[in-house]
């Protein structure tokens, strides 16, 4: 489970799987939700959070959530 300032988020099975496969730590997801450098609201059911992860060569982690269901949909290091 991850928390941002006002809400807690469960990890979807997909998010858990890709975090293991991509070596993404829970702490990095929490950090991105708590202190994003950018937040993009796609619609009421999809929000994208971005943050640079110092421990991973300052690469940009993207965390996609569904705020209605309070779930992390996926997460990955953005190539852009």
C-alpha atoms as a PDB file:
ATOM      1  CA  UNK A   1       0.000   0.000   0.000  1.00  0.00           C
ATOM      2  CA  UNK A   2       1.232   3.500  -0.862  1.00  0.00           C
ATOM      3  CA  UNK A   3       0.098   6.837   0.447  1.00  0.00           C
ATOM      4  CA  UNK A   4      -0.007  10.306  -1.000  1.00  0.00           C
ATOM      5  CA  UNK A   5      -0.893  13.389   1.050  1.00  0.00           C
ATOM      6  CA  UNK A   6      -4.611  12.652   1.265  1.00  0.00           C
ATOM      7  CA  UNK A   7      -5.215   9.119   0.034  1.00  0.00           C
ATOM      8  CA  UNK A   8      -3.867   5.619   0.344  1.00  0.00           C
ATOM      9  CA  UNK A   9      -3.430   3.479  -2.741  1.00  0.00           C
ATOM     10  CA  UNK A  10      -3.341  -0.272  -3.148  1.00  0.00           C
ATOM     11  CA  UNK A  11      -1.069  -1.798  -5.753  1.00  0.00           C
ATOM     12  CA  UNK A  12      -2.765  -3.669  -8.586  1.00  0.00           C
ATOM     13  CA  UNK A  13      -1.458  -7.153  -9.341  1.00  0.00           C
ATOM     14  CA  UNK A  14       0.019  -5.730 -12.548  1.00  0.00           C
ATOM     15  CA  UNK A  15       1.786  -2.945 -10.614  1.00  0.00           C
ATOM     16  CA  UNK A  16       3.246  -5.474  -8.163  1.00  0.00           C
ATOM     17  CA  UNK A  17       4.458  -7.667 -11.029  1.00  0.00           C
ATOM     18  CA  UNK A  18       6.122  -4.848 -12.974  1.00  0.00           C
ATOM     19  CA  UNK A  19       7.732  -3.452  -9.828  1.00  0.00           C
ATOM     20  CA  UNK A  20       9.447  -6.798  -9.287  1.00  0.00           C
ATOM     21  CA  UNK A  21      10.347  -7.216 -12.966  1.00  0.00           C
ATOM     22  CA  UNK A  22      11.679  -3.646 -13.266  1.00  0.00           C
ATOM     23  CA  UNK A  23      13.365  -3.458  -9.835  1.00  0.00           C
ATOM     24  CA  UNK A  24      11.161  -0.572  -8.720  1.00  0.00           C
ATOM     25  CA  UNK A  25      11.099  -0.112  -4.955  1.00  0.00           C
ATOM     26  CA  UNK A  26       7.953   0.617  -2.930  1.00  0.00           C
ATOM     27  CA  UNK A  27       9.736   3.663  -1.520  1.00  0.00           C
ATOM     28  CA  UNK A  28      10.176   5.131  -4.992  1.00  0.00           C
ATOM     29  CA  UNK A  29       6.460   4.733  -5.752  1.00  0.00           C
ATOM     30  CA  UNK A  30       5.596   6.341  -2.412  1.00  0.00           C
ATOM     31  CA  UNK A  31       8.018   9.203  -3.089  1.00  0.00           C
ATOM     32  CA  UNK A  32       6.551   9.790  -6.552  1.00  0.00           C
ATOM     33  CA  UNK A  33       2.992   9.909  -5.205  1.00  0.00           C
ATOM     34  CA  UNK A  34       3.980  12.069  -2.235  1.00  0.00           C
ATOM     35  CA  UNK A  35       6.310  14.545  -3.944  1.00  0.00           C
ATOM     36  CA  UNK A  36       5.875  14.437  -7.731  1.00  0.00           C
ATOM     37  CA  UNK A  37       7.754  16.809  -9.999  1.00  0.00           C
ATOM     38  CA  UNK A  38       4.790  16.625 -12.391  1.00  0.00           C
ATOM     39  CA  UNK A  39       1.191  15.483 -12.037  1.00  0.00           C
ATOM     40  CA  UNK A  40      -1.025  15.094 -15.117  1.00  0.00           C
ATOM     41  CA  UNK A  41      -4.740  14.497 -14.750  1.00  0.00           C
ATOM     42  CA  UNK A  42      -5.847  12.489 -17.777  1.00  0.00           C
ATOM     43  CA  UNK A  43      -9.431  12.141 -16.581  1.00  0.00           C
ATOM     44  CA  UNK A  44     -11.279  11.441 -13.336  1.00  0.00           C
ATOM     45  CA  UNK A  45     -10.075   7.828 -13.352  1.00  0.00           C
ATOM     46  CA  UNK A  46      -6.462   8.279 -14.467  1.00  0.00           C
ATOM     47  CA  UNK A  47      -3.692  10.452 -13.061  1.00  0.00           C
ATOM     48  CA  UNK A  48       0.026  10.252 -13.949  1.00  0.00           C
ATOM     49  CA  UNK A  49       2.726  11.187 -11.425  1.00  0.00           C
ATOM     50  CA  UNK A  50       6.397  11.730 -12.306  1.00  0.00           C
ATOM     51  CA  UNK A  51       9.513  12.070 -10.148  1.00  0.00           C
ATOM     52  CA  UNK A  52      13.263  11.724 -10.624  1.00  0.00           C
ATOM     53  CA  UNK A  53      14.742   8.875  -8.616  1.00  0.00           C
ATOM     54  CA  UNK A  54      18.246   9.790  -7.456  1.00  0.00           C
ATOM     55  CA  UNK A  55      19.100   6.194  -6.538  1.00  0.00           C
ATOM     56  CA  UNK A  56      18.324   5.129 -10.111  1.00  0.00           C
ATOM     57  CA  UNK A  57      20.581   7.557 -12.016  1.00  0.00           C
ATOM     58  CA  UNK A  58      17.974  10.351 -11.747  1.00  0.00           C
ATOM     59  CA  UNK A  59      15.675   8.502 -14.127  1.00  0.00           C
ATOM     60  CA  UNK A  60      12.066   9.631 -14.195  1.00  0.00           C
ATOM     61  CA  UNK A  61       9.617   7.227 -12.563  1.00  0.00           C
ATOM     62  CA  UNK A  62       6.050   7.342 -13.837  1.00  0.00           C
ATOM     63  CA  UNK A  63       3.251   6.096 -11.582  1.00  0.00           C
ATOM     64  CA  UNK A  64      -0.243   5.779 -13.042  1.00  0.00           C
ATOM     65  CA  UNK A  65      -3.132   5.675 -10.587  1.00  0.00           C
ATOM     66  CA  UNK A  66      -6.883   5.422 -10.590  1.00  0.00           C
ATOM     67  CA  UNK A  67      -7.903   7.865  -7.822  1.00  0.00           C
ATOM     68  CA  UNK A  68     -11.524   6.684  -7.872  1.00  0.00           C
ATOM     69  CA  UNK A  69     -10.577   3.080  -7.083  1.00  0.00           C
ATOM     70  CA  UNK A  70      -7.502   4.215  -5.100  1.00  0.00           C
ATOM     71  CA  UNK A  71      -5.196   1.834  -6.941  1.00  0.00           C
ATOM     72  CA  UNK A  72      -1.787   2.082  -8.585  1.00  0.00           C
ATOM     73  CA  UNK A  73      -2.332   0.784 -12.112  1.00  0.00           C
ATOM     74  CA  UNK A  74       1.287   0.614 -13.296  1.00  0.00           C
ATOM     75  CA  UNK A  75       4.709   2.143 -12.830  1.00  0.00           C
ATOM     76  CA  UNK A  76       7.832   2.332 -14.979  1.00  0.00           C
ATOM     77  CA  UNK A  77      10.853   4.457 -15.759  1.00  0.00           C
ATOM     78  CA  UNK A  78       9.818   6.892 -18.457  1.00  0.00           C
ATOM     79  CA  UNK A  79      12.069   7.124 -21.509  1.00  0.00           C
ATOM     80  CA  UNK A  80      11.156  10.709 -22.378  1.00  0.00           C
END
